[in-house]
PDB file of N, CA and C in Angstrom:
ATOM      1  N   UNK A   1      -9.311 -12.870  -2.393  1.00  0.00           N
ATOM      2  CA  UNK A   1      -8.230 -12.494  -3.187  1.00  0.00           C
ATOM      3  C   UNK A   1      -7.033 -12.950  -2.430  1.00  0.00           C
ATOM      4  N   UNK A   2      -6.803 -13.410  -1.098  1.00  0.00           N
ATOM      5  CA  UNK A   2      -5.682 -13.904  -0.279  1.00  0.00           C
ATOM      6  C   UNK A   2      -4.874 -15.069  -1.358  1.00  0.00           C
ATOM      7  N   UNK A   3      -5.477 -15.805  -2.086  1.00  0.00           N
ATOM      8  CA  UNK A   3      -4.713 -16.623  -2.829  1.00  0.00           C
ATOM      9  C   UNK A   3      -3.975 -15.767  -3.712  1.00  0.00           C
ATOM     10  N   UNK A   4      -3.935 -14.518  -4.175  1.00  0.00           N
ATOM     11  CA  UNK A   4      -3.237 -13.727  -5.177  1.00  0.00           C
ATOM     12  C   UNK A   4      -2.232 -13.103  -4.569  1.00  0.00           C
ATOM     13  N   UNK A   5      -2.182 -12.965  -3.484  1.00  0.00           N
ATOM     14  CA  UNK A   5      -1.370 -12.112  -2.602  1.00  0.00           C
ATOM     15  C   UNK A   5       0.133 -12.600  -2.758  1.00  0.00           C
ATOM     16  N   UNK A   6       0.404 -13.980  -2.848  1.00  0.00           N
ATOM     17  CA  UNK A   6       2.062 -14.415  -3.542  1.00  0.00           C
ATOM     18  C   UNK A   6       2.525 -13.927  -4.759  1.00  0.00           C
ATOM     19  N   UNK A   7       1.463 -13.901  -5.912  1.00  0.00           N
ATOM     20  CA  UNK A   7       1.708 -13.427  -6.946  1.00  0.00           C
ATOM     21  C   UNK A   7       1.867 -11.822  -7.110  1.00  0.00           C
ATOM     22  N   UNK A   8       1.188 -11.270  -6.296  1.00  0.00           N
ATOM     23  CA  UNK A   8       1.298  -9.827  -6.129  1.00  0.00           C
ATOM     24  C   UNK A   8       2.772  -9.391  -5.659  1.00  0.00           C
ATOM     25  N   UNK A   9       2.965 -10.241  -4.476  1.00  0.00           N
ATOM     26  CA  UNK A   9       4.377  -9.638  -4.094  1.00  0.00           C
ATOM     27  C   UNK A   9       5.706 -10.290  -5.094  1.00  0.00           C
ATOM     28  N   UNK A  10       5.444 -11.353  -5.868  1.00  0.00           N
ATOM     29  CA  UNK A  10       6.351 -11.702  -6.684  1.00  0.00           C
ATOM     30  C   UNK A  10       6.485 -11.386  -7.958  1.00  0.00           C
ATOM     31  N   UNK A  11       5.418 -10.672  -8.438  1.00  0.00           N
ATOM     32  CA  UNK A  11       5.475 -10.244  -9.922  1.00  0.00           C
ATOM     33  C   UNK A  11       4.801  -8.743  -9.998  1.00  0.00           C
ATOM     34  N   UNK A  12       4.438  -8.244  -8.992  1.00  0.00           N
ATOM     35  CA  UNK A  12       3.963  -6.849  -8.858  1.00  0.00           C
ATOM     36  C   UNK A  12       4.785  -5.730  -8.605  1.00  0.00           C
ATOM     37  N   UNK A  13       4.436  -4.740  -8.857  1.00  0.00           N
ATOM     38  CA  UNK A  13       5.350  -3.399  -8.805  1.00  0.00           C
ATOM     39  C   UNK A  13       5.549  -3.205  -7.034  1.00  0.00           C
ATOM     40  N   UNK A  14       6.588  -2.861  -6.617  1.00  0.00           N
ATOM     41  CA  UNK A  14       6.902  -2.597  -5.393  1.00  0.00           C
ATOM     42  C   UNK A  14       7.118  -1.225  -5.037  1.00  0.00           C
ATOM     43  N   UNK A  15       6.295  -0.382  -4.301  1.00  0.00           N
ATOM     44  CA  UNK A  15       6.571   0.890  -4.004  1.00  0.00           C
ATOM     45  C   UNK A  15       6.976   1.130  -2.572  1.00  0.00           C
ATOM     46  N   UNK A  16       8.331   1.452  -2.513  1.00  0.00           N
ATOM     47  CA  UNK A  16       9.065   1.399  -0.646  1.00  0.00           C
ATOM     48  C   UNK A  16       8.247   2.768  -0.014  1.00  0.00           C
ATOM     49  N   UNK A  17       8.578   2.336   1.283  1.00  0.00           N
ATOM     50  CA  UNK A  17       7.857   3.610   2.218  1.00  0.00           C
ATOM     51  C   UNK A  17       8.420   4.748   2.090  1.00  0.00           C
ATOM     52  N   UNK A  18       7.594   6.013   2.124  1.00  0.00           N
ATOM     53  CA  UNK A  18       8.217   7.302   2.014  1.00  0.00           C
ATOM     54  C   UNK A  18       7.636   8.114   3.243  1.00  0.00           C
ATOM     55  N   UNK A  19       7.840   7.587   4.334  1.00  0.00           N
ATOM     56  CA  UNK A  19       7.496   7.945   5.520  1.00  0.00           C
ATOM     57  C   UNK A  19       5.991   8.264   5.874  1.00  0.00           C
ATOM     58  N   UNK A  20       5.571   8.750   7.014  1.00  0.00           N
ATOM     59  CA  UNK A  20       4.090   8.856   7.473  1.00  0.00           C
ATOM     60  C   UNK A  20       3.816  10.203   6.936  1.00  0.00           C
ATOM     61  N   UNK A  21       2.638  10.294   6.657  1.00  0.00           N
ATOM     62  CA  UNK A  21       2.005  11.517   5.944  1.00  0.00           C
ATOM     63  C   UNK A  21       1.057  12.126   7.074  1.00  0.00           C
ATOM     64  N   UNK A  22       0.828  11.353   8.082  1.00  0.00           N
ATOM     65  CA  UNK A  22       0.008  12.094   9.071  1.00  0.00           C
ATOM     66  C   UNK A  22       0.233  11.445  10.296  1.00  0.00           C
ATOM     67  N   UNK A  23      -0.005  12.294  11.420  1.00  0.00           N
ATOM     68  CA  UNK A  23       0.242  11.702  13.124  1.00  0.00           C
ATOM     69  C   UNK A  23      -0.361  10.418  12.886  1.00  0.00           C
ATOM     70  N   UNK A  24       0.061   9.507  14.073  1.00  0.00           N
ATOM     71  CA  UNK A  24      -0.639   8.176  14.145  1.00  0.00           C
ATOM     72  C   UNK A  24      -0.771   8.184  15.678  1.00  0.00           C
ATOM     73  N   UNK A  25      -1.835   7.329  16.227  1.00  0.00           N
ATOM     74  CA  UNK A  25      -1.852   7.151  17.626  1.00  0.00           C
ATOM     75  C   UNK A  25      -1.410   5.776  17.935  1.00  0.00           C
ATOM     76  N   UNK A  26      -1.058   4.968  16.801  1.00  0.00           N
ATOM     77  CA  UNK A  26      -0.454   3.623  17.098  1.00  0.00           C
ATOM     78  C   UNK A  26       0.988   3.592  17.103  1.00  0.00           C
ATOM     79  N   UNK A  27       1.388   2.519  16.906  1.00  0.00           N
ATOM     80  CA  UNK A  27       3.140   2.530  16.606  1.00  0.00           C
ATOM     81  C   UNK A  27       3.633   2.095  15.385  1.00  0.00           C
ATOM     82  N   UNK A  28       2.803   1.901  14.289  1.00  0.00           N
ATOM     83  CA  UNK A  28       2.996   1.868  13.054  1.00  0.00           C
ATOM     84  C   UNK A  28       4.080   2.776  12.527  1.00  0.00           C
ATOM     85  N   UNK A  29       5.283   2.604  11.863  1.00  0.00           N
ATOM     86  CA  UNK A  29       6.217   3.291  11.357  1.00  0.00           C
ATOM     87  C   UNK A  29       6.159   3.680   9.895  1.00  0.00           C
ATOM     88  N   UNK A  30       5.991   2.472   9.064  1.00  0.00           N
ATOM     89  CA  UNK A  30       5.961   2.803   7.819  1.00  0.00           C
ATOM     90  C   UNK A  30       4.963   1.723   6.968  1.00  0.00           C
ATOM     91  N   UNK A  31       4.821   2.183   5.898  1.00  0.00           N
ATOM     92  CA  UNK A  31       4.112   1.343   4.925  1.00  0.00           C
ATOM     93  C   UNK A  31       4.641   1.004   4.018  1.00  0.00           C
ATOM     94  N   UNK A  32       4.735  -0.148   3.231  1.00  0.00           N
ATOM     95  CA  UNK A  32       5.083  -0.833   2.146  1.00  0.00           C
ATOM     96  C   UNK A  32       3.745  -1.080   1.128  1.00  0.00           C
ATOM     97  N   UNK A  33       4.162  -0.763   0.006  1.00  0.00           N
ATOM     98  CA  UNK A  33       2.934  -0.919  -1.229  1.00  0.00           C
ATOM     99  C   UNK A  33       3.270  -2.162  -2.267  1.00  0.00           C
ATOM    100  N   UNK A  34       2.642  -2.927  -2.452  1.00  0.00           N
ATOM    101  CA  UNK A  34       2.877  -4.167  -3.498  1.00  0.00           C
ATOM    102  C   UNK A  34       1.531  -3.827  -4.599  1.00  0.00           C
ATOM    103  N   UNK A  35       1.744  -3.816  -5.507  1.00  0.00           N
ATOM    104  CA  UNK A  35       0.427  -3.519  -6.755  1.00  0.00           C
ATOM    105  C   UNK A  35       1.009  -4.087  -7.835  1.00  0.00           C
ATOM    106  N   UNK A  36      -0.227  -5.048  -8.573  1.00  0.00           N
ATOM    107  CA  UNK A  36      -0.499  -5.549  -9.818  1.00  0.00           C
ATOM    108  C   UNK A  36      -1.744  -5.399 -10.349  1.00  0.00           C
ATOM    109  N   UNK A  37      -1.704  -4.626 -11.455  1.00  0.00           N
ATOM    110  CA  UNK A  37      -2.915  -4.199 -11.938  1.00  0.00           C
ATOM    111  C   UNK A  37      -3.949  -3.442 -11.050  1.00  0.00           C
ATOM    112  N   UNK A  38      -5.112  -3.941 -11.034  1.00  0.00           N
ATOM    113  CA  UNK A  38      -5.771  -3.233  -9.983  1.00  0.00           C
ATOM    114  C   UNK A  38      -6.154  -3.811  -8.737  1.00  0.00           C
ATOM    115  N   UNK A  39      -5.054  -4.601  -8.417  1.00  0.00           N
ATOM    116  CA  UNK A  39      -5.213  -5.351  -6.959  1.00  0.00           C
ATOM    117  C   UNK A  39      -3.631  -4.823  -6.128  1.00  0.00           C
ATOM    118  N   UNK A  40      -3.906  -5.006  -4.979  1.00  0.00           N
ATOM    119  CA  UNK A  40      -2.648  -4.368  -4.171  1.00  0.00           C
ATOM    120  C   UNK A  40      -2.721  -5.022  -2.617  1.00  0.00           C
ATOM    121  N   UNK A  41      -1.453  -4.777  -2.088  1.00  0.00           N
ATOM    122  CA  UNK A  41      -1.288  -5.217  -0.909  1.00  0.00           C
ATOM    123  C   UNK A  41      -0.561  -4.193  -0.128  1.00  0.00           C
ATOM    124  N   UNK A  42      -1.000  -3.718   1.080  1.00  0.00           N
ATOM    125  CA  UNK A  42      -0.265  -2.697   1.825  1.00  0.00           C
ATOM    126  C   UNK A  42       0.167  -3.498   3.119  1.00  0.00           C
ATOM    127  N   UNK A  43       1.367  -3.181   3.187  1.00  0.00           N
ATOM    128  CA  UNK A  43       2.249  -3.763   4.647  1.00  0.00           C
ATOM    129  C   UNK A  43       2.385  -2.719   5.391  1.00  0.00           C
ATOM    130  N   UNK A  44       1.896  -2.719   6.763  1.00  0.00           N
ATOM    131  CA  UNK A  44       2.128  -1.890   7.638  1.00  0.00           C
ATOM    132  C   UNK A  44       3.423  -2.450   8.520  1.00  0.00           C
ATOM    133  N   UNK A  45       4.501  -1.646   8.930  1.00  0.00           N
ATOM    134  CA  UNK A  45       5.457  -2.128  10.099  1.00  0.00           C
ATOM    135  C   UNK A  45       5.431  -1.391  10.998  1.00  0.00           C
ATOM    136  N   UNK A  46       5.400  -2.070  12.546  1.00  0.00           N
ATOM    137  CA  UNK A  46       5.495  -1.272  13.622  1.00  0.00           C
ATOM    138  C   UNK A  46       6.760  -1.006  14.170  1.00  0.00           C
ATOM    139  N   UNK A  47       6.949  -0.503  15.283  1.00  0.00           N
ATOM    140  CA  UNK A  47       8.523  -0.194  15.693  1.00  0.00           C
ATOM    141  C   UNK A  47       9.254  -1.120  15.936  1.00  0.00           C
ATOM    142  N   UNK A  48       8.278  -2.473  16.316  1.00  0.00           N
ATOM    143  CA  UNK A  48       9.319  -3.672  16.723  1.00  0.00           C
ATOM    144  C   UNK A  48       9.775  -4.619  15.329  1.00  0.00           C
ATOM    145  N   UNK A  49       9.047  -3.893  14.252  1.00  0.00           N
ATOM    146  CA  UNK A  49       9.381  -4.915  12.843  1.00  0.00           C
ATOM    147  C   UNK A  49       8.181  -5.895  12.761  1.00  0.00           C
ATOM    148  N   UNK A  50       7.166  -5.814  13.533  1.00  0.00           N
ATOM    149  CA  UNK A  50       6.058  -6.951  13.318  1.00  0.00           C
ATOM    150  C   UNK A  50       4.978  -6.006  11.875  1.00  0.00           C
ATOM    151  N   UNK A  51       4.628  -6.949  11.383  1.00  0.00           N
ATOM    152  CA  UNK A  51       3.798  -6.314  10.209  1.00  0.00           C
ATOM    153  C   UNK A  51       2.388  -6.989  10.099  1.00  0.00           C
ATOM    154  N   UNK A  52       1.564  -6.023   9.450  1.00  0.00           N
ATOM    155  CA  UNK A  52       0.234  -6.246   9.389  1.00  0.00           C
ATOM    156  C   UNK A  52       0.079  -5.827   7.942  1.00  0.00           C
ATOM    157  N   UNK A  53      -1.140  -6.877   7.381  1.00  0.00           N
ATOM    158  CA  UNK A  53      -1.305  -6.775   6.054  1.00  0.00           C
ATOM    159  C   UNK A  53      -2.713  -6.576   5.546  1.00  0.00           C
ATOM    160  N   UNK A  54      -2.896  -5.470   4.681  1.00  0.00           N
ATOM    161  CA  UNK A  54      -4.357  -5.007   4.076  1.00  0.00           C
ATOM    162  C   UNK A  54      -4.340  -5.231   2.667  1.00  0.00           C
ATOM    163  N   UNK A  55      -5.220  -6.179   2.243  1.00  0.00           N
ATOM    164  CA  UNK A  55      -5.482  -6.416   1.026  1.00  0.00           C
ATOM    165  C   UNK A  55      -6.541  -5.438   0.225  1.00  0.00           C
ATOM    166  N   UNK A  56      -6.382  -5.187  -1.007  1.00  0.00           N
ATOM    167  CA  UNK A  56      -7.216  -4.416  -1.589  1.00  0.00           C
ATOM    168  C   UNK A  56      -7.475  -4.916  -2.894  1.00  0.00           C
ATOM    169  N   UNK A  57      -8.903  -5.132  -3.168  1.00  0.00           N
ATOM    170  CA  UNK A  57      -9.096  -5.634  -4.464  1.00  0.00           C
ATOM    171  C   UNK A  57      -9.570  -4.844  -5.737  1.00  0.00           C
ATOM    172  N   UNK A  58      -9.475  -3.356  -5.438  1.00  0.00           N
ATOM    173  CA  UNK A  58      -9.699  -2.279  -6.162  1.00  0.00           C
ATOM    174  C   UNK A  58      -8.896  -1.153  -6.179  1.00  0.00           C
ATOM    175  N   UNK A  59      -7.692  -0.910  -5.903  1.00  0.00           N
ATOM    176  CA  UNK A  59      -6.623  -0.187  -6.139  1.00  0.00           C
ATOM    177  C   UNK A  59      -7.045   1.154  -6.284  1.00  0.00           C
ATOM    178  N   UNK A  60      -7.632   1.221  -7.703  1.00  0.00           N
ATOM    179  CA  UNK A  60      -7.906   2.508  -8.405  1.00  0.00           C
ATOM    180  C   UNK A  60      -8.931   3.241  -7.332  1.00  0.00           C
ATOM    181  N   UNK A  61     -10.083   2.283  -7.064  1.00  0.00           N
ATOM    182  CA  UNK A  61     -10.778   2.918  -6.070  1.00  0.00           C
ATOM    183  C   UNK A  61     -10.367   3.839  -4.819  1.00  0.00           C
ATOM    184  N   UNK A  62      -9.442   2.886  -4.360  1.00  0.00           N
ATOM    185  CA  UNK A  62      -8.988   3.081  -3.169  1.00  0.00           C
ATOM    186  C   UNK A  62      -8.099   4.456  -3.158  1.00  0.00           C
ATOM    187  N   UNK A  63      -7.096   4.580  -4.220  1.00  0.00           N
ATOM    188  CA  UNK A  63      -6.523   5.617  -4.479  1.00  0.00           C
ATOM    189  C   UNK A  63      -6.931   6.794  -4.813  1.00  0.00           C
ATOM    190  N   UNK A  64      -8.268   6.771  -5.526  1.00  0.00           N
ATOM    191  CA  UNK A  64      -9.106   7.881  -5.798  1.00  0.00           C
ATOM    192  C   UNK A  64      -9.732   8.327  -4.604  1.00  0.00           C
ATOM    193  N   UNK A  65     -10.098   7.530  -3.828  1.00  0.00           N
ATOM    194  CA  UNK A  65     -10.726   7.928  -2.156  1.00  0.00           C
ATOM    195  C   UNK A  65      -9.690   8.289  -1.398  1.00  0.00           C
ATOM    196  N   UNK A  66      -8.314   8.050  -1.388  1.00  0.00           N
ATOM    197  CA  UNK A  66      -7.044   8.363  -0.642  1.00  0.00           C
ATOM    198  C   UNK A  66      -6.150   9.121  -1.549  1.00  0.00           C
ATOM    199  N   UNK A  67      -6.334  10.064  -1.938  1.00  0.00           N
ATOM    200  CA  UNK A  67      -5.126  10.803  -2.975  1.00  0.00           C
ATOM    201  C   UNK A  67      -3.990  11.077  -1.988  1.00  0.00           C
ATOM    202  N   UNK A  68      -3.942  11.159  -0.977  1.00  0.00           N
ATOM    203  CA  UNK A  68      -2.562  11.613   0.048  1.00  0.00           C
ATOM    204  C   UNK A  68      -1.825  10.142  -0.388  1.00  0.00           C
ATOM    205  N   UNK A  69      -2.469   9.281  -0.235  1.00  0.00           N
ATOM    206  CA  UNK A  69      -1.449   7.828  -0.397  1.00  0.00           C
ATOM    207  C   UNK A  69      -1.051   7.819  -2.009  1.00  0.00           C
ATOM    208  N   UNK A  70      -1.625   8.275  -2.941  1.00  0.00           N
ATOM    209  CA  UNK A  70      -1.295   8.287  -3.973  1.00  0.00           C
ATOM    210  C   UNK A  70      -0.215   9.118  -4.360  1.00  0.00           C
ATOM    211  N   UNK A  71      -0.484  10.297  -3.879  1.00  0.00           N
ATOM    212  CA  UNK A  71       0.719  11.107  -3.932  1.00  0.00           C
ATOM    213  C   UNK A  71       1.995  10.954  -3.248  1.00  0.00           C
ATOM    214  N   UNK A  72       1.791  10.140  -1.907  1.00  0.00           N
ATOM    215  CA  UNK A  72       3.012   9.615  -1.199  1.00  0.00           C
ATOM    216  C   UNK A  72       3.872   8.601  -2.071  1.00  0.00           C
ATOM    217  N   UNK A  73       3.068   7.836  -2.831  1.00  0.00           N
ATOM    218  CA  UNK A  73       3.591   6.587  -3.624  1.00  0.00           C
ATOM    219  C   UNK A  73       4.123   7.356  -5.086  1.00  0.00           C
ATOM    220  N   UNK A  74       3.567   8.281  -5.230  1.00  0.00           N
ATOM    221  CA  UNK A  74       4.060   8.713  -6.725  1.00  0.00           C
ATOM    222  C   UNK A  74       3.127   8.120  -7.833  1.00  0.00           C
ATOM    223  N   UNK A  75       1.981   7.887  -7.403  1.00  0.00           N
ATOM    224  CA  UNK A  75       0.817   7.650  -8.425  1.00  0.00           C
ATOM    225  C   UNK A  75       0.117   8.458  -9.177  1.00  0.00           C
ATOM    226  N   UNK A  76      -0.149   8.796 -10.279  1.00  0.00           N
ATOM    227  CA  UNK A  76      -0.892   9.745 -10.996  1.00  0.00           C
ATOM    228  C   UNK A  76      -2.267   8.928 -10.974  1.00  0.00           C
ATOM    229  N   UNK A  77      -3.399   9.568 -10.096  1.00  0.00           N
ATOM    230  CA  UNK A  77      -4.532   9.026 -10.112  1.00  0.00           C
ATOM    231  C   UNK A  77      -5.548   9.422 -11.361  1.00  0.00           C
ATOM    232  N   UNK A  78      -4.804  10.504 -12.072  1.00  0.00           N
ATOM    233  CA  UNK A  78      -5.651  10.842 -13.166  1.00  0.00           C
ATOM    234  C   UNK A  78      -5.499   9.563 -14.288  1.00  0.00           C
ATOM    235  N   UNK A  79      -4.494   9.053 -14.387  1.00  0.00           N
ATOM    236  CA  UNK A  79      -4.256   7.827 -15.104  1.00  0.00           C
ATOM    237  C   UNK A  79      -4.938   6.525 -14.736  1.00  0.00           C
ATOM    238  N   UNK A  80      -5.530   6.471 -13.736  1.00  0.00           N
ATOM    239  CA  UNK A  80      -6.237   5.036 -13.291  1.00  0.00           C
ATOM    240  C   UNK A  80      -7.503   5.016 -13.986  1.00  0.00           C
TER     241      UNK A  80
END
């Protein structure tokens, strides 16, 4: 799926950060979400501006398993 990441960034939907929804034991401050079809990229940003990437090849499954993320992004999982 890594070859698809540039296209997901360039032509997918961007969901800006909406704050953390739970306490964290690391220094991650916010999460950005990019989605195109059923593929997505989550970008975590720490307090120094460094980023970590998480690619997801089945966004629908991930959001059904993590409804709090879908709610935070404003995605209606009943439509997935």
